[in-house]
PDB file of N, CA and C in Angstrom:
ATOM      1  N   MET A   1     115.046 128.787  94.944  1.00  0.00           N
ATOM      2  CA  MET A   1     113.786 128.687  94.407  1.00  0.00           C
ATOM      3  C   MET A   1     113.191 129.895  93.560  1.00  0.00           C
ATOM      4  N   THR A   2     112.614 129.621  92.365  1.00  0.00           N
ATOM      5  CA  THR A   2     112.348 130.737  91.469  1.00  0.00           C
ATOM      6  C   THR A   2     111.106 131.392  92.056  1.00  0.00           C
ATOM      7  N   LYS A   3     110.900 132.454  91.511  1.00  0.00           N
ATOM      8  CA  LYS A   3     109.827 133.428  91.916  1.00  0.00           C
ATOM      9  C   LYS A   3     108.348 132.721  91.738  1.00  0.00           C
ATOM     10  N   LEU A   4     108.323 132.067  90.500  1.00  0.00           N
ATOM     11  CA  LEU A   4     107.078 131.353  90.219  1.00  0.00           C
ATOM     12  C   LEU A   4     106.691 130.177  91.089  1.00  0.00           C
ATOM     13  N   ASN A   5     107.802 129.317  91.463  1.00  0.00           N
ATOM     14  CA  ASN A   5     107.605 128.314  92.408  1.00  0.00           C
ATOM     15  C   ASN A   5     107.180 128.835  93.854  1.00  0.00           C
ATOM     16  N   SER A   6     107.855 129.826  94.198  1.00  0.00           N
ATOM     17  CA  SER A   6     107.506 130.502  95.498  1.00  0.00           C
ATOM     18  C   SER A   6     106.066 131.028  95.535  1.00  0.00           C
ATOM     19  N   VAL A   7     105.570 131.640  94.527  1.00  0.00           N
ATOM     20  CA  VAL A   7     104.167 132.130  94.499  1.00  0.00           C
ATOM     21  C   VAL A   7     103.214 130.914  94.495  1.00  0.00           C
ATOM     22  N   ALA A   8     103.556 129.810  93.726  1.00  0.00           N
ATOM     23  CA  ALA A   8     102.706 128.562  93.675  1.00  0.00           C
ATOM     24  C   ALA A   8     102.607 127.840  94.911  1.00  0.00           C
ATOM     25  N   LEU A   9     103.886 127.793  95.713  1.00  0.00           N
ATOM     26  CA  LEU A   9     103.811 127.103  96.990  1.00  0.00           C
ATOM     27  C   LEU A   9     103.013 127.988  97.882  1.00  0.00           C
ATOM     28  N   HIS A  10     103.225 129.345  97.864  1.00  0.00           N
ATOM     29  CA  HIS A  10     102.367 130.169  98.837  1.00  0.00           C
ATOM     30  C   HIS A  10     100.981 130.040  98.575  1.00  0.00           C
ATOM     31  N   THR A  11     100.561 130.054  97.317  1.00  0.00           N
ATOM     32  CA  THR A  11      99.061 129.852  97.061  1.00  0.00           C
ATOM     33  C   THR A  11      98.534 128.503  97.424  1.00  0.00           C
ATOM     34  N   TYR A  12      99.265 127.418  97.348  1.00  0.00           N
ATOM     35  CA  TYR A  12      98.935 126.080  97.778  1.00  0.00           C
ATOM     36  C   TYR A  12      98.885 126.117  99.266  1.00  0.00           C
ATOM     37  N   ALA A  13      99.739 126.667  99.894  1.00  0.00           N
ATOM     38  CA  ALA A  13      99.820 126.699 101.375  1.00  0.00           C
ATOM     39  C   ALA A  13      98.540 127.329 101.925  1.00  0.00           C
ATOM     40  N   LYS A  14      98.177 128.455 101.387  1.00  0.00           N
ATOM     41  CA  LYS A  14      96.997 129.239 101.732  1.00  0.00           C
ATOM     42  C   LYS A  14      95.666 128.307 101.636  1.00  0.00           C
ATOM     43  N   ALA A  15      95.590 127.683 100.455  1.00  0.00           N
ATOM     44  CA  ALA A  15      94.486 126.966 100.154  1.00  0.00           C
ATOM     45  C   ALA A  15      94.401 125.832 101.091  1.00  0.00           C
ATOM     46  N   LEU A  16      95.492 125.172 101.393  1.00  0.00           N
ATOM     47  CA  LEU A  16      95.532 124.049 102.286  1.00  0.00           C
ATOM     48  C   LEU A  16      95.093 124.527 103.784  1.00  0.00           C
ATOM     49  N   ALA A  17      95.489 125.670 104.094  1.00  0.00           N
ATOM     50  CA  ALA A  17      95.345 126.144 105.439  1.00  0.00           C
ATOM     51  C   ALA A  17      93.969 126.269 105.679  1.00  0.00           C
ATOM     52  N   GLY A  18      93.171 126.909 104.566  1.00  0.00           N
ATOM     53  CA  GLY A  18      91.717 127.149 104.635  1.00  0.00           C
ATOM     54  C   GLY A  18      90.863 125.881 104.606  1.00  0.00           C
ATOM     55  N   ASP A  19      91.396 124.789 104.319  1.00  0.00           N
ATOM     56  CA  ASP A  19      90.628 123.516 104.276  1.00  0.00           C
ATOM     57  C   ASP A  19      90.539 122.965 105.740  1.00  0.00           C
ATOM     58  N   ARG A  20      89.221 122.878 106.243  1.00  0.00           N
ATOM     59  CA  ARG A  20      89.034 122.589 107.615  1.00  0.00           C
ATOM     60  C   ARG A  20      88.353 121.004 107.870  1.00  0.00           C
ATOM     61  N   LYS A  21      88.126 120.329 106.741  1.00  0.00           N
ATOM     62  CA  LYS A  21      87.545 119.032 106.675  1.00  0.00           C
ATOM     63  C   LYS A  21      88.476 117.966 107.325  1.00  0.00           C
ATOM     64  N   GLY A  22      89.730 118.043 107.077  1.00  0.00           N
ATOM     65  CA  GLY A  22      90.657 117.077 107.578  1.00  0.00           C
ATOM     66  C   GLY A  22      90.777 117.290 109.077  1.00  0.00           C
ATOM     67  N   VAL A  23      90.737 118.423 109.511  1.00  0.00           N
ATOM     68  CA  VAL A  23      90.883 118.983 110.969  1.00  0.00           C
ATOM     69  C   VAL A  23      89.857 118.207 111.666  1.00  0.00           C
ATOM     70  N   THR A  24      88.567 118.259 111.242  1.00  0.00           N
ATOM     71  CA  THR A  24      87.497 117.754 111.951  1.00  0.00           C
ATOM     72  C   THR A  24      87.531 116.201 112.059  1.00  0.00           C
ATOM     73  N   ALA A  25      88.055 115.566 111.001  1.00  0.00           N
ATOM     74  CA  ALA A  25      88.099 114.169 111.166  1.00  0.00           C
ATOM     75  C   ALA A  25      89.327 113.817 112.117  1.00  0.00           C
ATOM     76  N   ILE A  26      90.304 114.551 112.090  1.00  0.00           N
ATOM     77  CA  ILE A  26      91.418 114.124 113.149  1.00  0.00           C
ATOM     78  C   ILE A  26      90.882 114.394 114.507  1.00  0.00           C
ATOM     79  N   GLU A  27      90.104 115.358 114.780  1.00  0.00           N
ATOM     80  CA  GLU A  27      89.501 115.653 116.126  1.00  0.00           C
ATOM     81  C   GLU A  27      88.627 114.476 116.554  1.00  0.00           C
ATOM     82  N   TYR A  28      87.840 114.022 115.702  1.00  0.00           N
ATOM     83  CA  TYR A  28      86.990 112.882 115.937  1.00  0.00           C
ATOM     84  C   TYR A  28      87.817 111.633 116.299  1.00  0.00           C
ATOM     85  N   GLY A  29      88.837 111.620 115.594  1.00  0.00           N
ATOM     86  CA  GLY A  29      89.697 110.349 115.714  1.00  0.00           C
ATOM     87  C   GLY A  29      90.429 110.377 117.065  1.00  0.00           C
ATOM     88  N   LEU A  30      90.862 111.571 117.494  1.00  0.00           N
ATOM     89  CA  LEU A  30      91.403 111.630 118.840  1.00  0.00           C
ATOM     90  C   LEU A  30      90.473 111.516 119.819  1.00  0.00           C
ATOM     91  N   ILE A  31      89.202 112.001 119.716  1.00  0.00           N
ATOM     92  CA  ILE A  31      88.262 111.624 120.776  1.00  0.00           C
ATOM     93  C   ILE A  31      87.931 110.283 120.783  1.00  0.00           C
ATOM     94  N   ALA A  32      87.760 109.456 119.790  1.00  0.00           N
ATOM     95  CA  ALA A  32      87.533 108.069 119.761  1.00  0.00           C
ATOM     96  C   ALA A  32      88.544 107.337 120.460  1.00  0.00           C
ATOM     97  N   GLY A  33      89.984 107.687 120.043  1.00  0.00           N
ATOM     98  CA  GLY A  33      91.032 107.052 120.785  1.00  0.00           C
ATOM     99  C   GLY A  33      91.066 107.365 122.243  1.00  0.00           C
ATOM    100  N   LEU A  34      90.736 108.509 122.721  1.00  0.00           N
ATOM    101  CA  LEU A  34      90.664 108.795 124.239  1.00  0.00           C
ATOM    102  C   LEU A  34      89.616 107.964 124.891  1.00  0.00           C
ATOM    103  N   ILE A  35      88.469 107.931 124.200  1.00  0.00           N
ATOM    104  CA  ILE A  35      87.412 107.024 124.833  1.00  0.00           C
ATOM    105  C   ILE A  35      87.675 105.545 124.884  1.00  0.00           C
ATOM    106  N   ALA A  36      88.443 105.118 123.934  1.00  0.00           N
ATOM    107  CA  ALA A  36      88.926 103.690 123.832  1.00  0.00           C
ATOM    108  C   ALA A  36      89.813 103.508 125.038  1.00  0.00           C
ATOM    109  N   VAL A  37      90.883 104.492 125.211  1.00  0.00           N
ATOM    110  CA  VAL A  37      91.805 104.335 126.197  1.00  0.00           C
ATOM    111  C   VAL A  37      91.070 104.381 127.624  1.00  0.00           C
ATOM    112  N   ALA A  38      90.094 105.259 127.861  1.00  0.00           N
ATOM    113  CA  ALA A  38      89.402 105.240 129.015  1.00  0.00           C
ATOM    114  C   ALA A  38      88.681 103.896 129.338  1.00  0.00           C
ATOM    115  N   ILE A  39      88.112 103.230 128.240  1.00  0.00           N
ATOM    116  CA  ILE A  39      87.351 102.009 128.431  1.00  0.00           C
ATOM    117  C   ILE A  39      88.344 101.024 128.762  1.00  0.00           C
ATOM    118  N   ILE A  40      89.441 101.056 128.207  1.00  0.00           N
ATOM    119  CA  ILE A  40      90.543 100.025 128.598  1.00  0.00           C
ATOM    120  C   ILE A  40      90.936 100.075 129.902  1.00  0.00           C
ATOM    121  N   VAL A  41      91.173 101.256 130.450  1.00  0.00           N
ATOM    122  CA  VAL A  41      91.671 101.539 131.809  1.00  0.00           C
ATOM    123  C   VAL A  41      90.573 101.076 132.833  1.00  0.00           C
ATOM    124  N   ALA A  42      89.277 101.465 132.474  1.00  0.00           N
ATOM    125  CA  ALA A  42      88.106 101.092 133.391  1.00  0.00           C
ATOM    126  C   ALA A  42      87.985  99.554 133.490  1.00  0.00           C
ATOM    127  N   VAL A  43      87.944  98.819 132.333  1.00  0.00           N
ATOM    128  CA  VAL A  43      87.854  97.468 132.372  1.00  0.00           C
ATOM    129  C   VAL A  43      88.981  96.639 133.043  1.00  0.00           C
ATOM    130  N   THR A  44      90.127  97.268 132.857  1.00  0.00           N
ATOM    131  CA  THR A  44      91.361  96.628 133.466  1.00  0.00           C
ATOM    132  C   THR A  44      91.164  96.742 134.993  1.00  0.00           C
ATOM    133  N   ALA A  45      90.767  97.927 135.464  1.00  0.00           N
ATOM    134  CA  ALA A  45      90.687  98.264 136.933  1.00  0.00           C
ATOM    135  C   ALA A  45      89.478  97.313 137.498  1.00  0.00           C
ATOM    136  N   VAL A  46      88.347  97.236 136.855  1.00  0.00           N
ATOM    137  CA  VAL A  46      87.231  96.508 137.290  1.00  0.00           C
ATOM    138  C   VAL A  46      87.499  95.118 137.203  1.00  0.00           C
ATOM    139  N   GLY A  47      88.095  94.684 136.123  1.00  0.00           N
ATOM    140  CA  GLY A  47      88.533  93.133 135.971  1.00  0.00           C
ATOM    141  C   GLY A  47      89.209  92.616 136.952  1.00  0.00           C
ATOM    142  N   GLY A  48      90.219  93.232 137.593  1.00  0.00           N
ATOM    143  CA  GLY A  48      90.974  92.874 138.757  1.00  0.00           C
ATOM    144  C   GLY A  48      90.080  92.548 139.940  1.00  0.00           C
ATOM    145  N   ASN A  49      89.347  93.585 140.091  1.00  0.00           N
ATOM    146  CA  ASN A  49      88.396  93.357 141.353  1.00  0.00           C
ATOM    147  C   ASN A  49      87.276  92.286 141.176  1.00  0.00           C
ATOM    148  N   LEU A  50      86.791  92.062 139.922  1.00  0.00           N
ATOM    149  CA  LEU A  50      85.877  91.019 139.730  1.00  0.00           C
ATOM    150  C   LEU A  50      86.528  89.617 139.987  1.00  0.00           C
ATOM    151  N   THR A  51      87.759  89.546 139.601  1.00  0.00           N
ATOM    152  CA  THR A  51      88.552  88.329 139.667  1.00  0.00           C
ATOM    153  C   THR A  51      88.686  88.050 141.258  1.00  0.00           C
ATOM    154  N   ASN A  52      88.979  89.010 141.950  1.00  0.00           N
ATOM    155  CA  ASN A  52      89.153  88.757 143.356  1.00  0.00           C
ATOM    156  C   ASN A  52      87.839  88.420 143.962  1.00  0.00           C
ATOM    157  N   LEU A  53      86.786  89.066 143.540  1.00  0.00           N
ATOM    158  CA  LEU A  53      85.429  88.602 144.014  1.00  0.00           C
ATOM    159  C   LEU A  53      84.991  87.283 143.928  1.00  0.00           C
ATOM    160  N   PHE A  54      85.103  86.952 142.675  1.00  0.00           N
ATOM    161  CA  PHE A  54      84.643  85.548 142.239  1.00  0.00           C
ATOM    162  C   PHE A  54      85.630  84.455 142.809  1.00  0.00           C
ATOM    163  N   THR A  55      86.783  84.822 143.031  1.00  0.00           N
ATOM    164  CA  THR A  55      87.714  83.763 143.772  1.00  0.00           C
ATOM    165  C   THR A  55      87.229  83.716 145.222  1.00  0.00           C
ATOM    166  N   ASN A  56      87.034  84.777 145.890  1.00  0.00           N
ATOM    167  CA  ASN A  56      86.564  84.694 147.373  1.00  0.00           C
ATOM    168  C   ASN A  56      85.222  83.958 147.486  1.00  0.00           C
ATOM    169  N   ILE A  57      84.108  84.174 146.471  1.00  0.00           N
ATOM    170  CA  ILE A  57      82.959  83.421 146.393  1.00  0.00           C
ATOM    171  C   ILE A  57      83.264  81.983 146.233  1.00  0.00           C
ATOM    172  N   SER A  58      84.071  81.646 145.261  1.00  0.00           N
ATOM    173  CA  SER A  58      84.411  80.260 145.008  1.00  0.00           C
ATOM    174  C   SER A  58      85.013  79.583 146.189  1.00  0.00           C
ATOM    175  N   THR A  59      85.938  80.278 146.914  1.00  0.00           N
ATOM    176  CA  THR A  59      86.533  79.633 148.155  1.00  0.00           C
ATOM    177  C   THR A  59      85.472  79.402 149.245  1.00  0.00           C
ATOM    178  N   LYS A  60      84.560  80.399 149.383  1.00  0.00           N
ATOM    179  CA  LYS A  60      83.536  80.148 150.488  1.00  0.00           C
ATOM    180  C   LYS A  60      82.562  79.109 150.222  1.00  0.00           C
ATOM    181  N   ILE A  61      82.314  78.883 148.834  1.00  0.00           N
ATOM    182  CA  ILE A  61      81.327  78.012 148.467  1.00  0.00           C
ATOM    183  C   ILE A  61      82.039  76.561 148.589  1.00  0.00           C
ATOM    184  N   ALA A  62      83.205  76.445 148.221  1.00  0.00           N
ATOM    185  CA  ALA A  62      84.083  75.178 148.358  1.00  0.00           C
ATOM    186  C   ALA A  62      84.219  74.899 149.707  1.00  0.00           C
ATOM    187  N   GLY A  63      84.412  75.844 150.660  1.00  0.00           N
ATOM    188  CA  GLY A  63      84.570  75.545 152.083  1.00  0.00           C
ATOM    189  C   GLY A  63      83.252  75.122 152.836  1.00  0.00           C
ATOM    190  N   ALA A  64      82.138  75.585 152.296  1.00  0.00           N
ATOM    191  CA  ALA A  64      80.934  75.388 152.972  1.00  0.00           C
ATOM    192  C   ALA A  64      80.394  73.877 153.073  1.00  0.00           C
TER     193      ALA A  64
END
């Protein structure tokens, strides 16, 4: 690599490292993803319990 290319690459890397806008967007994206995973896990866990509850209620109503 020539000296000029090396200097240009170094200058570009320093400018890119100083740009923080993209980092904030990535952080918000990760937070949104974690919240979505937590919601999916909670709905899945509660959904199974609700299915059992309504099945029991339906069985008791049908047997009455």
